[in-house]
Amino acid sequence: MKPAEQNTLESAATKRVSYIIATKNKAEYLQTALELHRKLITPEDELIIIDGGSTDSTLEVVRENADLIDTFISEPDKSCGHALSKGMLLARGKYIKHLTDDDIVHAEGMEKAIQVLEEHPEIDLLVCGGTRQRGDRCWPVCLPPGINYGSSVEGVFKWGASGIGFVIRRSSLTMIGLSPPGIATDKEFAINAIENGAIVKFCRINLYHHVIHDHSAVVKQKK
């Protein structure tokens, strides 16, 4: 068999974006999220749902939205990072985008992020901005102009790293690794990427709206 031209790991991708949702016992939020994600996910993409063994009506929600879901796994996991790693192992997309069952990812912002990654194949992890909301208070998540985010791990500690703003080049996982299993998975993932020599860049794209609920990890695991 003759080898294909430019036969790379990236060229082996069969989907454009692999969207991954990790969830457990939040059927109501999952239903709302899937309704919103219908505007985001195209026929070129795939949706993977990793459920931690829910005992509520999550399975019913999945069945009702079977036309949108490509892969559904339901089994116990140790953490959100553990669940996301399962999804990353199953991903077939050129890019990986983590979704949540209670946040919004803007379709227009996602298209802009993909365009940036297409035009800059050297970028391994693109970190985008967005907005956050807690109760009636809403504020932007964006870095000041001129910040060379990703040049050192100190920037992650100073400016943070919100995973809902990540768009990952799947072929770069061989260098970065999977999602850390601990609590601060977003920061750990960005730090691992920088420490392992990956190119991490911040882009001033309004990619997401993150609503901080009482059950959100940033509240429940604050200490």
Protein backbone atom coordinates (compact mmCIF):
# COMPACT_ATOMS: atom_id res chain seq x y z
CA MET A 1 0.00 0.00 0.00
CA LYS A 2 1.35 3.40 -0.98
CA PRO A 3 1.55 5.86 1.93
CA ALA A 4 -0.80 8.85 1.69
CA GLU A 5 0.66 12.30 1.16
CA GLN A 6 0.98 14.30 4.37
CA ASN A 7 -0.26 11.37 6.42
CA THR A 8 -0.30 13.06 9.83
CA LEU A 9 -2.22 12.55 13.06
CA GLU A 10 -4.19 15.71 12.33
CA SER A 11 -5.10 14.59 8.81
CA ALA A 12 -6.52 11.36 10.29
CA ALA A 13 -9.34 13.27 12.00
CA THR A 14 -12.75 12.32 10.63
CA LYS A 15 -14.69 15.16 12.28
CA ARG A 16 -14.15 18.92 12.50
CA VAL A 17 -14.88 19.45 16.22
CA SER A 18 -15.46 16.90 18.96
CA TYR A 19 -17.74 18.52 21.55
CA ILE A 20 -17.60 16.79 24.94
CA ILE A 21 -20.06 17.14 27.83
CA ALA A 22 -19.36 15.66 31.26
CA THR A 23 -22.51 15.44 33.38
CA LYS A 24 -24.11 13.70 36.36
CA ASN A 25 -27.60 14.04 37.81
CA LYS A 26 -28.32 17.38 36.12
CA ALA A 27 -30.93 16.27 33.59
CA GLU A 28 -32.80 19.59 33.62
CA TYR A 29 -29.64 21.55 32.81
CA LEU A 30 -28.57 18.97 30.23
CA GLN A 31 -31.89 19.25 28.38
CA THR A 32 -31.58 23.04 28.20
CA ALA A 33 -27.93 22.82 27.12
CA LEU A 34 -28.69 20.38 24.31
CA GLU A 35 -31.42 22.65 23.00
CA LEU A 36 -28.91 25.50 22.87
CA HIS A 37 -26.12 23.35 21.43
CA ARG A 38 -28.24 22.48 18.39
CA LYS A 39 -27.28 25.92 17.07
CA LEU A 40 -23.60 25.17 17.67
CA ILE A 41 -22.99 21.63 16.43
CA THR A 42 -22.82 21.16 12.66
CA PRO A 43 -22.97 17.92 10.60
CA GLU A 44 -19.16 18.09 10.40
CA ASP A 45 -18.90 17.81 14.19
CA GLU A 46 -19.66 15.18 16.84
CA LEU A 47 -21.13 15.32 20.33
CA ILE A 48 -19.85 13.01 23.06
CA ILE A 49 -21.63 12.84 26.42
CA ILE A 50 -19.87 11.25 29.38
CA ASP A 51 -22.31 10.62 32.23
CA GLY A 52 -21.05 9.66 35.67
CA GLY A 53 -23.82 7.13 36.26
CA SER A 54 -26.80 9.44 36.79
CA THR A 55 -29.82 8.23 38.76
CA ASP A 56 -32.18 11.01 37.60
CA SER A 57 -33.80 11.37 34.15
CA THR A 58 -30.51 11.95 32.27
CA LEU A 59 -30.97 8.80 30.18
CA GLU A 60 -34.41 9.97 29.08
CA VAL A 61 -32.95 13.33 28.01
CA VAL A 62 -30.28 11.53 26.02
CA ARG A 63 -32.87 9.37 24.28
CA GLU A 64 -34.95 12.43 23.38
CA ASN A 65 -31.89 14.04 21.80
CA ALA A 66 -30.41 10.93 20.20
CA ASP A 67 -30.25 12.61 16.78
CA LEU A 68 -27.72 15.12 18.14
CA ILE A 69 -25.56 12.73 20.19
CA ASP A 70 -22.89 10.57 18.53
CA THR A 71 -21.50 8.81 21.62
CA PHE A 72 -22.98 8.32 25.10
CA ILE A 73 -21.08 6.67 27.95
CA SER A 74 -22.66 6.18 31.40
CA GLU A 75 -20.51 4.74 34.18
CA PRO A 76 -18.99 5.96 37.46
CA ASP A 77 -16.06 8.34 37.23
CA LYS A 78 -13.78 9.85 39.87
CA SER A 79 -14.01 13.50 38.82
CA CYS A 80 -15.01 15.84 36.03
CA GLY A 81 -11.45 15.65 34.72
CA HIS A 82 -11.67 11.85 34.66
CA ALA A 83 -14.90 12.07 32.65
CA LEU A 84 -13.47 14.59 30.18
CA SER A 85 -10.44 12.36 29.62
CA LYS A 86 -12.77 9.56 28.54
CA GLY A 87 -14.32 11.90 26.00
CA MET A 88 -10.93 13.01 24.72
CA LEU A 89 -9.93 9.38 24.16
CA LEU A 90 -13.09 8.85 22.11
CA ALA A 91 -12.76 12.10 20.12
CA ARG A 92 -12.38 11.95 16.33
CA GLY A 93 -12.33 15.67 15.66
CA LYS A 94 -9.49 17.89 14.50
CA TYR A 95 -10.37 20.10 17.45
CA ILE A 96 -11.80 19.37 20.90
CA LYS A 97 -14.21 21.65 22.71
CA HIS A 98 -15.47 20.94 26.21
CA LEU A 99 -19.05 21.97 26.85
CA THR A 100 -20.90 22.01 30.14
CA ASP A 101 -24.51 21.27 30.97
CA ASP A 102 -25.10 24.78 32.35
CA ASP A 103 -23.09 27.21 30.18
CA ILE A 104 -23.53 28.74 26.73
CA VAL A 105 -20.97 28.59 23.91
CA HIS A 106 -21.66 31.10 21.15
CA ALA A 107 -21.72 29.59 17.64
CA GLU A 108 -20.29 32.75 16.06
CA GLY A 109 -17.46 32.85 18.57
CA MET A 110 -16.69 29.18 17.96
CA GLU A 111 -16.43 29.73 14.22
CA LYS A 112 -13.99 32.59 14.84
CA ALA A 113 -11.91 30.38 17.15
CA ILE A 114 -11.75 27.62 14.54
CA GLN A 115 -10.70 30.17 11.91
CA VAL A 116 -7.84 31.33 14.16
CA LEU A 117 -6.65 27.74 14.64
CA GLU A 118 -6.91 27.03 10.91
CA GLU A 119 -4.84 30.13 10.11
CA HIS A 120 -2.31 29.37 12.87
CA PRO A 121 -1.54 25.63 12.89
CA GLU A 122 1.25 26.24 15.40
CA ILE A 123 -1.28 26.93 18.18
CA ASP A 124 -1.96 23.88 20.35
CA LEU A 125 -4.38 25.41 22.87
CA LEU A 126 -6.47 28.49 22.14
CA VAL A 127 -7.90 30.23 25.22
CA CYS A 128 -10.82 32.56 24.47
CA GLY A 129 -12.69 35.14 26.50
CA GLY A 130 -16.35 35.37 27.40
CA THR A 131 -18.65 36.53 30.17
CA ARG A 132 -19.49 35.27 33.65
CA GLN A 133 -22.63 35.73 35.68
CA ARG A 134 -23.41 35.22 39.34
CA GLY A 135 -26.94 36.23 40.26
CA ASP A 136 -27.65 39.64 38.76
CA ARG A 137 -23.97 40.50 38.33
CA CYS A 138 -22.35 39.91 34.93
CA TRP A 139 -18.76 40.71 33.96
CA PRO A 140 -16.40 40.10 31.00
CA VAL A 141 -13.53 37.61 31.04
CA CYS A 142 -10.82 39.13 28.88
CA LEU A 143 -7.14 40.01 29.18
CA PRO A 144 -5.74 43.51 28.66
CA PRO A 145 -4.11 44.12 25.26
CA GLY A 146 -0.42 43.23 25.04
CA ILE A 147 -0.46 40.35 27.56
CA ASN A 148 1.68 37.49 26.25
CA TYR A 149 -0.52 34.80 27.79
CA GLY A 150 0.95 31.32 27.52
CA SER A 151 4.58 32.41 27.59
CA SER A 152 4.96 31.11 31.17
CA VAL A 153 2.91 29.33 33.83
CA GLU A 154 2.95 32.51 35.94
CA GLY A 155 0.39 33.96 33.54
CA VAL A 156 -2.04 31.14 34.33
CA PHE A 157 -1.82 31.89 38.06
CA LYS A 158 -2.18 35.63 37.49
CA TRP A 159 -4.91 35.66 34.83
CA GLY A 160 -6.57 32.30 35.35
CA ALA A 161 -7.66 29.68 32.84
CA SER A 162 -11.35 28.96 32.25
CA GLY A 163 -11.83 25.60 30.53
CA ILE A 164 -15.08 26.71 28.89
CA GLY A 165 -12.86 29.08 26.87
CA PHE A 166 -10.48 26.34 25.67
CA VAL A 167 -10.37 25.05 22.10
CA ILE A 168 -7.81 22.23 21.83
CA ARG A 169 -6.01 20.88 18.79
CA ARG A 170 -6.54 17.14 19.22
CA SER A 171 -3.18 16.15 17.73
CA SER A 172 -1.50 18.22 20.48
CA LEU A 173 -2.83 15.90 23.21
CA THR A 174 0.16 13.64 22.54
CA MET A 175 2.29 16.44 24.00
CA ILE A 176 -0.13 18.04 26.50
CA GLY A 177 -1.81 14.92 27.88
CA LEU A 178 -5.42 14.35 28.91
CA SER A 179 -7.53 16.30 31.39
CA PRO A 180 -6.06 16.24 34.94
CA PRO A 181 -8.24 14.32 37.43
CA GLY A 182 -8.00 16.88 40.25
CA ILE A 183 -10.15 19.87 41.19
CA ALA A 184 -8.48 22.76 39.33
CA THR A 185 -8.50 20.90 36.02
CA ASP A 186 -8.61 24.05 33.84
CA LYS A 187 -5.50 25.62 35.34
CA GLU A 188 -3.70 22.27 35.53
CA PHE A 189 -4.38 21.57 31.86
CA ALA A 190 -3.06 25.00 30.78
CA ILE A 191 0.00 24.65 33.02
CA ASN A 192 0.75 21.15 31.69
CA ALA A 193 0.46 22.48 28.15
CA ILE A 194 2.93 25.31 28.76
CA GLU A 195 5.33 23.13 30.77
CA ASN A 196 5.40 20.54 27.99
CA GLY A 197 6.25 23.08 25.32
CA ALA A 198 2.82 23.55 23.74
CA ILE A 199 1.91 26.87 22.14
CA VAL A 200 -0.86 28.45 24.24
CA LYS A 201 -2.44 31.72 23.11
CA PHE A 202 -5.25 33.93 24.38
CA CYS A 203 -7.64 35.33 21.78
CA ARG A 204 -10.04 38.21 22.45
CA ILE A 205 -13.08 36.29 21.20
CA ASN A 206 -16.40 36.31 23.07
CA LEU A 207 -16.78 32.53 23.10
CA TYR A 208 -18.95 31.73 26.12
CA HIS A 209 -21.34 32.83 28.85
CA HIS A 210 -20.60 31.07 32.13
CA VAL A 211 -23.33 31.16 34.76
CA ILE A 212 -22.02 30.40 38.25
CA HIS A 213 -24.65 28.35 40.10
CA ASP A 214 -24.57 27.14 43.70
CA HIS A 215 -23.64 23.68 42.38
CA SER A 216 -20.79 25.02 40.24
CA ALA A 217 -17.32 23.72 41.10
CA VAL A 218 -15.99 27.24 41.65
CA VAL A 219 -18.52 27.59 44.49
CA LYS A 220 -18.67 24.04 45.91
CA GLN A 221 -14.89 23.50 45.83
CA LYS A 222 -13.77 27.05 46.56
CA LYS A 223 -11.66 26.11 49.59
